[in-house]
Amino acid sequence: MRTQKILAMAMAVLALAAAAGGCRAEVEDAGEAPEINVEGGEAPKIDVDPIDIDSVDIDVGTDTQKIVTPDVDIDAGKDTNP
């Protein structure tokens, strides 16, 4: 049973290799990219109700954060070119 599976797999690999290597394709005409014409369009119309900026309470501030970074030591050694 195991020998049959191995034989079947070997035959499948051999058939695949023969199919992949057994064909030859030559490009006669490389072709070219199609011509594309792009024309301007129209922006969508959006109905917006603006707010009175003076009636809105906005608080803007900053916050200090500490970021821990690793300590890296580099030993250039003798093989490094300046």
C-alpha atoms as a PDB file:
ATOM      1  CA  MET A   1       0.000   0.000   0.000  1.00  0.00           C
ATOM      2  CA  ARG A   2       2.777   2.435   0.958  1.00  0.00           C
ATOM      3  CA  THR A   3       4.790   1.503  -2.117  1.00  0.00           C
ATOM      4  CA  GLN A   4       1.782   2.246  -4.325  1.00  0.00           C
ATOM      5  CA  LYS A   5       1.414   5.727  -2.802  1.00  0.00           C
ATOM      6  CA  ILE A   6       5.097   6.471  -3.299  1.00  0.00           C
ATOM      7  CA  LEU A   7       4.946   5.185  -6.875  1.00  0.00           C
ATOM      8  CA  ALA A   8       1.814   7.245  -7.586  1.00  0.00           C
ATOM      9  CA  MET A   9       3.419  10.386  -6.140  1.00  0.00           C
ATOM     10  CA  ALA A  10       6.614   9.800  -8.129  1.00  0.00           C
ATOM     11  CA  MET A  11       4.616   9.377 -11.323  1.00  0.00           C
ATOM     12  CA  ALA A  12       2.652  12.562 -10.577  1.00  0.00           C
ATOM     13  CA  VAL A  13       5.857  14.525  -9.981  1.00  0.00           C
ATOM     14  CA  LEU A  14       7.391  13.106 -13.154  1.00  0.00           C
ATOM     15  CA  ALA A  15       4.268  13.966 -15.170  1.00  0.00           C
ATOM     16  CA  LEU A  16       4.237  17.499 -13.760  1.00  0.00           C
ATOM     17  CA  ALA A  17       7.929  17.977 -14.531  1.00  0.00           C
ATOM     18  CA  ALA A  18       7.428  16.689 -18.069  1.00  0.00           C
ATOM     19  CA  ALA A  19       4.441  18.974 -18.592  1.00  0.00           C
ATOM     20  CA  ALA A  20       6.249  22.027 -17.225  1.00  0.00           C
ATOM     21  CA  GLY A  21       9.496  21.411 -19.069  1.00  0.00           C
ATOM     22  CA  GLY A  22       7.993  19.787 -22.121  1.00  0.00           C
ATOM     23  CA  CYS A  23       6.360  22.871 -23.553  1.00  0.00           C
ATOM     24  CA  ARG A  24       7.982  25.796 -25.260  1.00  0.00           C
ATOM     25  CA  ALA A  25       6.448  29.220 -25.737  1.00  0.00           C
ATOM     26  CA  GLU A  26       7.743  32.036 -27.895  1.00  0.00           C
ATOM     27  CA  VAL A  27       6.323  35.537 -27.788  1.00  0.00           C
ATOM     28  CA  GLU A  28       5.820  36.753 -31.337  1.00  0.00           C
ATOM     29  CA  ASP A  29       4.258  40.129 -30.489  1.00  0.00           C
ATOM     30  CA  ALA A  30       5.022  41.676 -27.114  1.00  0.00           C
ATOM     31  CA  GLY A  31       2.034  43.994 -27.442  1.00  0.00           C
ATOM     32  CA  GLU A  32       1.671  47.408 -25.875  1.00  0.00           C
ATOM     33  CA  ALA A  33      -0.258  49.092 -23.125  1.00  0.00           C
ATOM     34  CA  PRO A  34      -3.686  50.420 -24.091  1.00  0.00           C
ATOM     35  CA  GLU A  35      -4.210  54.147 -24.559  1.00  0.00           C
ATOM     36  CA  ILE A  36      -6.151  55.728 -21.719  1.00  0.00           C
ATOM     37  CA  ASN A  37      -7.811  59.127 -21.815  1.00  0.00           C
ATOM     38  CA  VAL A  38      -8.623  60.714 -18.490  1.00  0.00           C
ATOM     39  CA  GLU A  39     -10.923  63.685 -18.397  1.00  0.00           C
ATOM     40  CA  GLY A  40     -11.840  65.923 -15.507  1.00  0.00           C
ATOM     41  CA  GLY A  41     -14.996  65.246 -13.605  1.00  0.00           C
ATOM     42  CA  GLU A  42     -17.264  67.033 -11.210  1.00  0.00           C
ATOM     43  CA  ALA A  43     -16.971  67.045  -7.454  1.00  0.00           C
ATOM     44  CA  PRO A  44     -19.961  65.619  -5.607  1.00  0.00           C
ATOM     45  CA  LYS A  45     -22.455  68.099  -4.248  1.00  0.00           C
ATOM     46  CA  ILE A  46     -22.692  67.945  -0.470  1.00  0.00           C
ATOM     47  CA  ASP A  47     -25.205  69.800   1.645  1.00  0.00           C
ATOM     48  CA  VAL A  48     -23.474  70.874   4.879  1.00  0.00           C
ATOM     49  CA  ASP A  49     -24.985  72.809   7.745  1.00  0.00           C
ATOM     50  CA  PRO A  50     -22.082  74.771   9.266  1.00  0.00           C
ATOM     51  CA  ILE A  51     -21.924  75.276  13.025  1.00  0.00           C
ATOM     52  CA  ASP A  52     -21.206  78.502  14.854  1.00  0.00           C
ATOM     53  CA  ILE A  53     -17.593  78.006  15.969  1.00  0.00           C
ATOM     54  CA  ASP A  54     -17.995  80.543  18.764  1.00  0.00           C
ATOM     55  CA  SER A  55     -20.654  78.395  20.443  1.00  0.00           C
ATOM     56  CA  VAL A  56     -18.439  75.275  20.655  1.00  0.00           C
ATOM     57  CA  ASP A  57     -16.146  74.682  23.660  1.00  0.00           C
ATOM     58  CA  ILE A  58     -12.853  73.244  22.411  1.00  0.00           C
ATOM     59  CA  ASP A  59      -9.986  72.357  24.777  1.00  0.00           C
ATOM     60  CA  VAL A  60      -6.585  71.892  23.154  1.00  0.00           C
ATOM     61  CA  GLY A  61      -3.589  70.821  25.172  1.00  0.00           C
ATOM     62  CA  THR A  62      -0.473  68.696  25.237  1.00  0.00           C
ATOM     63  CA  ASP A  63       0.488  65.613  27.185  1.00  0.00           C
ATOM     64  CA  THR A  64       4.030  64.402  27.902  1.00  0.00           C
ATOM     65  CA  GLN A  65       4.628  60.688  27.438  1.00  0.00           C
ATOM     66  CA  LYS A  66       7.803  58.723  28.198  1.00  0.00           C
ATOM     67  CA  ILE A  67       8.779  56.154  25.579  1.00  0.00           C
ATOM     68  CA  VAL A  68      11.160  53.396  26.636  1.00  0.00           C
ATOM     69  CA  THR A  69      13.646  52.483  23.926  1.00  0.00           C
ATOM     70  CA  PRO A  70      16.199  49.670  24.002  1.00  0.00           C
ATOM     71  CA  ASP A  71      19.849  50.390  24.726  1.00  0.00           C
ATOM     72  CA  VAL A  72      21.889  49.254  21.702  1.00  0.00           C
ATOM     73  CA  ASP A  73      25.667  48.832  21.803  1.00  0.00           C
ATOM     74  CA  ILE A  74      27.435  48.401  18.457  1.00  0.00           C
ATOM     75  CA  ASP A  75      30.920  46.914  18.212  1.00  0.00           C
ATOM     76  CA  ALA A  76      32.192  47.758  14.720  1.00  0.00           C
ATOM     77  CA  GLY A  77      35.117  45.355  14.910  1.00  0.00           C
ATOM     78  CA  LYS A  78      38.089  45.185  12.524  1.00  0.00           C
ATOM     79  CA  ASP A  79      36.173  44.276   9.326  1.00  0.00           C
ATOM     80  CA  THR A  80      34.246  47.547   9.105  1.00  0.00           C
ATOM     81  CA  ASN A  81      35.313  50.044   6.442  1.00  0.00           C
ATOM     82  CA  PRO A  82      35.120  53.715   7.483  1.00  0.00           C
END
